[in-house]
Protein backbone atom coordinates (compact mmCIF):
# COMPACT_ATOMS: atom_id res chain seq x y z
CA MET A 1 9.11 -175.86 113.93
CA LYS A 2 7.96 -173.60 111.03
CA LYS A 3 4.50 -174.02 109.66
CA SER A 4 3.98 -174.66 105.98
CA ILE A 5 2.15 -172.24 103.99
CA SER A 6 -0.46 -173.73 101.35
CA ARG A 7 -0.89 -171.65 98.64
CA CYS A 8 -4.42 -171.60 96.66
CA THR A 9 -4.12 -171.51 92.91
CA ARG A 10 -6.93 -170.41 90.80
CA SER A 11 -7.39 -172.61 87.78
CA SER A 12 -8.06 -170.48 84.64
CA PRO A 13 -11.01 -171.14 82.60
CA HIS A 14 -10.68 -173.40 79.53
CA GLY A 15 -12.56 -173.46 76.28
CA PHE A 16 -15.67 -171.43 75.25
CA THR A 17 -18.54 -170.07 77.16
CA LEU A 18 -22.06 -171.01 75.39
CA ILE A 19 -22.36 -167.41 74.49
CA GLU A 20 -18.91 -167.08 72.68
CA LEU A 21 -19.84 -170.22 70.74
CA LEU A 22 -23.26 -169.10 69.56
CA VAL A 23 -22.08 -165.65 68.66
CA THR A 24 -19.33 -167.41 66.49
CA LEU A 25 -21.77 -170.05 64.81
CA ALA A 26 -23.88 -166.92 64.22
CA LEU A 27 -21.09 -165.17 62.47
CA ALA A 28 -19.98 -168.58 60.53
CA ALA A 29 -23.45 -168.77 59.17
CA VAL A 30 -23.87 -165.11 58.10
CA LEU A 31 -20.20 -165.41 56.24
CA ALA A 32 -21.48 -168.66 54.70
CA GLY A 33 -24.87 -167.16 53.44
CA LEU A 34 -23.03 -164.10 51.78
CA ALA A 35 -20.31 -166.52 50.04
CA ALA A 36 -22.59 -169.22 48.72
CA PRO A 37 -23.64 -167.31 45.54
CA SER A 38 -20.04 -166.29 44.72
CA ILE A 39 -19.05 -169.91 45.24
CA ARG A 40 -22.04 -171.08 42.72
CA ASP A 41 -21.01 -168.43 40.26
CA PHE A 42 -17.52 -169.58 40.26
CA VAL A 43 -18.32 -173.19 40.09
CA VAL A 44 -20.85 -172.47 37.13
CA ARG A 45 -18.35 -170.44 35.07
CA SER A 46 -15.51 -172.55 35.78
CA GLN A 47 -17.39 -176.04 34.41
CA MET A 48 -18.78 -174.00 31.41
CA THR A 49 -15.39 -172.71 30.43
CA ASN A 50 -13.79 -176.21 30.86
CA LEU A 51 -16.61 -177.77 28.68
CA GLY A 52 -16.34 -175.27 25.94
CA ASN A 53 -12.22 -175.53 26.27
CA GLU A 54 -12.57 -179.26 26.12
CA PHE A 55 -14.69 -179.04 23.12
CA THR A 56 -12.68 -176.52 20.89
CA ALA A 57 -9.40 -178.61 21.83
CA SER A 58 -11.10 -181.80 20.62
CA VAL A 59 -12.02 -180.19 17.53
CA LEU A 60 -8.09 -178.71 17.17
CA LYS A 61 -7.00 -182.44 17.75
CA ALA A 62 -9.20 -184.13 15.43
CA ARG A 63 -8.19 -181.31 12.75
CA ASN A 64 -4.59 -181.61 13.49
CA GLU A 65 -4.76 -185.37 13.29
CA ALA A 66 -6.27 -185.33 9.69
CA VAL A 67 -3.49 -183.03 8.56
CA ASN A 68 -0.53 -184.80 10.33
CA ARG A 69 -1.78 -188.19 9.24
CA ASN A 70 -2.87 -187.24 5.68
CA THR A 71 -6.19 -188.83 6.03
CA CYS A 72 -9.78 -188.22 7.35
CA VAL A 73 -10.96 -187.60 11.01
CA THR A 74 -14.45 -188.12 12.20
CA MET A 75 -15.79 -186.52 15.35
CA CYS A 76 -18.96 -187.07 16.60
CA MET A 77 -21.35 -187.01 19.40
CA SER A 78 -21.37 -190.42 21.21
CA SER A 79 -23.61 -191.29 24.38
CA SER A 80 -21.48 -194.29 24.65
CA ALA A 81 -18.14 -192.52 24.82
CA GLY A 82 -15.84 -193.72 27.59
CA ALA A 83 -17.80 -197.31 27.09
CA ALA A 84 -15.50 -200.33 25.23
CA ASN A 85 -16.68 -200.09 21.71
CA PRO A 86 -18.23 -196.31 21.48
CA THR A 87 -20.28 -195.42 18.55
CA CYS A 88 -21.76 -192.56 16.98
CA SER A 89 -25.09 -190.89 18.17
CA THR A 90 -27.63 -190.81 15.11
CA THR A 91 -30.32 -188.66 17.12
CA GLY A 92 -30.18 -185.42 19.03
CA ALA A 93 -28.26 -182.23 18.74
CA ASP A 94 -26.81 -182.09 22.12
CA TRP A 95 -23.13 -182.79 22.36
CA GLN A 96 -23.03 -182.69 26.18
CA VAL A 97 -23.81 -186.72 25.76
CA GLY A 98 -20.23 -186.86 24.92
CA TRP A 99 -18.20 -187.16 21.96
CA ILE A 100 -15.62 -189.38 20.05
CA ALA A 101 -12.90 -188.94 17.45
CA PHE A 102 -11.76 -191.44 15.35
CA LEU A 103 -9.32 -192.07 12.32
CA ASN A 104 -11.58 -192.52 9.10
CA PRO A 105 -9.16 -193.55 6.14
CA SER A 106 -12.01 -194.30 3.50
CA CYS A 107 -13.44 -190.84 4.38
CA ASN A 108 -16.68 -192.40 4.39
CA SER A 109 -18.98 -189.59 5.93
CA GLY A 110 -21.67 -192.76 6.92
CA LEU A 111 -19.12 -194.35 9.32
CA ASN A 112 -20.34 -194.46 13.11
CA ALA A 113 -17.52 -195.84 14.35
CA PRO A 114 -13.84 -196.82 14.13
CA SER A 115 -13.05 -199.78 12.52
CA ASP A 116 -10.56 -200.69 15.10
CA SER A 117 -9.84 -199.66 18.67
CA ILE A 118 -6.52 -198.54 17.25
CA ASN A 119 -8.03 -195.78 15.19
CA MET A 120 -9.68 -194.15 18.07
CA ILE A 121 -8.03 -190.63 18.83
CA LEU A 122 -10.30 -189.44 21.84
CA SER A 123 -13.51 -190.34 23.92
CA ARG A 124 -15.00 -187.66 26.24
CA PRO A 125 -17.77 -188.94 28.23
CA SER A 126 -21.01 -186.87 29.25
CA SER A 127 -20.61 -183.62 31.17
CA GLY A 128 -23.74 -184.44 33.19
CA SER A 129 -27.34 -182.51 32.85
CA ASP A 130 -26.38 -179.18 34.09
CA TYR A 131 -24.59 -178.04 31.09
CA PHE A 132 -25.80 -177.93 27.56
CA LEU A 133 -23.45 -177.94 24.48
CA GLN A 134 -26.33 -177.42 21.34
CA ALA A 135 -25.58 -177.75 17.94
CA GLN A 136 -27.56 -175.14 16.17
CA GLY A 137 -27.37 -176.82 12.81
CA SER A 138 -28.08 -180.19 14.29
CA THR A 139 -24.75 -181.35 13.55
CA LYS A 140 -24.02 -184.77 15.00
CA LYS A 141 -20.85 -185.68 12.94
CA ILE A 142 -17.93 -183.87 11.58
CA THR A 143 -15.56 -185.37 9.17
CA PHE A 144 -12.17 -183.45 8.70
CA ASN A 145 -10.49 -184.12 5.44
CA ALA A 146 -6.72 -184.33 4.93
CA ARG A 147 -6.39 -180.59 4.76
CA GLY A 148 -8.31 -180.31 8.07
CA ALA A 149 -11.52 -178.83 6.55
CA PRO A 150 -14.60 -180.25 8.08
CA GLY A 151 -16.87 -180.20 5.18
CA LEU A 152 -19.33 -177.73 6.70
CA GLY A 153 -21.14 -175.38 3.94
CA ASP A 154 -21.64 -172.37 6.34
CA ALA A 155 -20.21 -171.52 9.87
CA ASP A 156 -21.82 -173.87 12.53
CA GLN A 157 -22.90 -172.79 15.97
CA PHE A 158 -22.65 -174.69 19.17
CA ASN A 159 -24.43 -172.84 22.10
CA LEU A 160 -23.04 -173.57 25.36
CA ILE A 161 -25.53 -172.77 28.15
CA TYR A 162 -26.53 -173.61 31.90
CA ARG A 163 -29.75 -175.56 32.21
CA GLU A 164 -32.56 -173.63 30.91
CA GLU A 165 -32.03 -170.46 28.87
CA SER A 166 -33.88 -168.21 31.03
CA ASN A 167 -31.63 -168.86 34.01
CA PRO A 168 -29.78 -165.91 35.39
CA LEU A 169 -26.22 -167.75 35.63
CA ASN A 170 -26.69 -168.84 31.80
CA GLU A 171 -27.20 -164.82 30.60
CA LYS A 172 -24.01 -164.07 32.86
CA TYR A 173 -21.76 -167.35 31.53
CA ALA A 174 -23.15 -168.55 28.41
CA PHE A 175 -21.34 -168.44 25.43
CA ASN A 176 -21.28 -169.60 21.66
CA ILE A 177 -18.90 -171.53 19.58
CA CYS A 178 -18.71 -170.94 15.93
CA MET A 179 -16.79 -173.42 13.57
CA ASP A 180 -15.88 -172.10 10.24
CA GLY A 181 -15.59 -173.98 6.79
CA LEU A 182 -11.74 -174.25 7.69
CA GLY A 183 -12.39 -176.08 10.92
CA ARG A 184 -11.67 -173.07 13.13
CA THR A 185 -13.09 -172.25 16.31
CA ARG A 186 -13.86 -169.08 18.32
CA THR A 187 -16.01 -168.17 21.15
CA LEU A 188 -18.96 -165.53 20.95
CA PRO A 189 -21.22 -163.75 23.66
CA SER A 190 -24.35 -165.81 24.10
CA MET A 191 -26.31 -162.99 22.42
CA LYS A 192 -24.25 -162.89 19.23
CA THR A 193 -24.83 -165.37 16.21
CA CYS A 194 -21.95 -166.92 14.04
CA ALA A 195 -23.69 -165.44 10.97
CA ASN A 196 -23.73 -161.92 11.97
CA TYR A 197 -20.83 -161.38 14.31
CA LYS A 198 -17.80 -159.73 12.83
């Protein structure tokens, strides 16, 4: 009769030891700490660029609609943009509250809302409180005529800033948007002004 030989198998350990887990967590925390400022800078730069692009695209759309339809189009600040019946804001100079553009067939510069919802061209709600789009000439409303001219005597300047002007992120990413008497826009570094920049 043969005796059966039993083999002892040693089970291999599974998972991490406590020390390995703590080292991994420490490395992850260090890497996250290093990446956080870069991520914040990326978000701020991206949001400011998007807001500036949306504003200039809205100006271009309003201007093109005026020319294409051979009528006046009004673009104005609107804290009620996105609501059912938005109207132009009559106070303030901070366009980050939102803006609307609508057909203005009578070319009435005092018109503060479209006569009908069909006349609404665009409505852009508030961008929040972290980013400011400030009109230097206190411009609250721009009415483009059938030739696309906004009726501005001189170039108007809109400053796009992040929170306070002294914020380091603002110094890195802020810029100005200039609009000339023909309704054309261009962007400038934040330390330059439309009147003096060639």
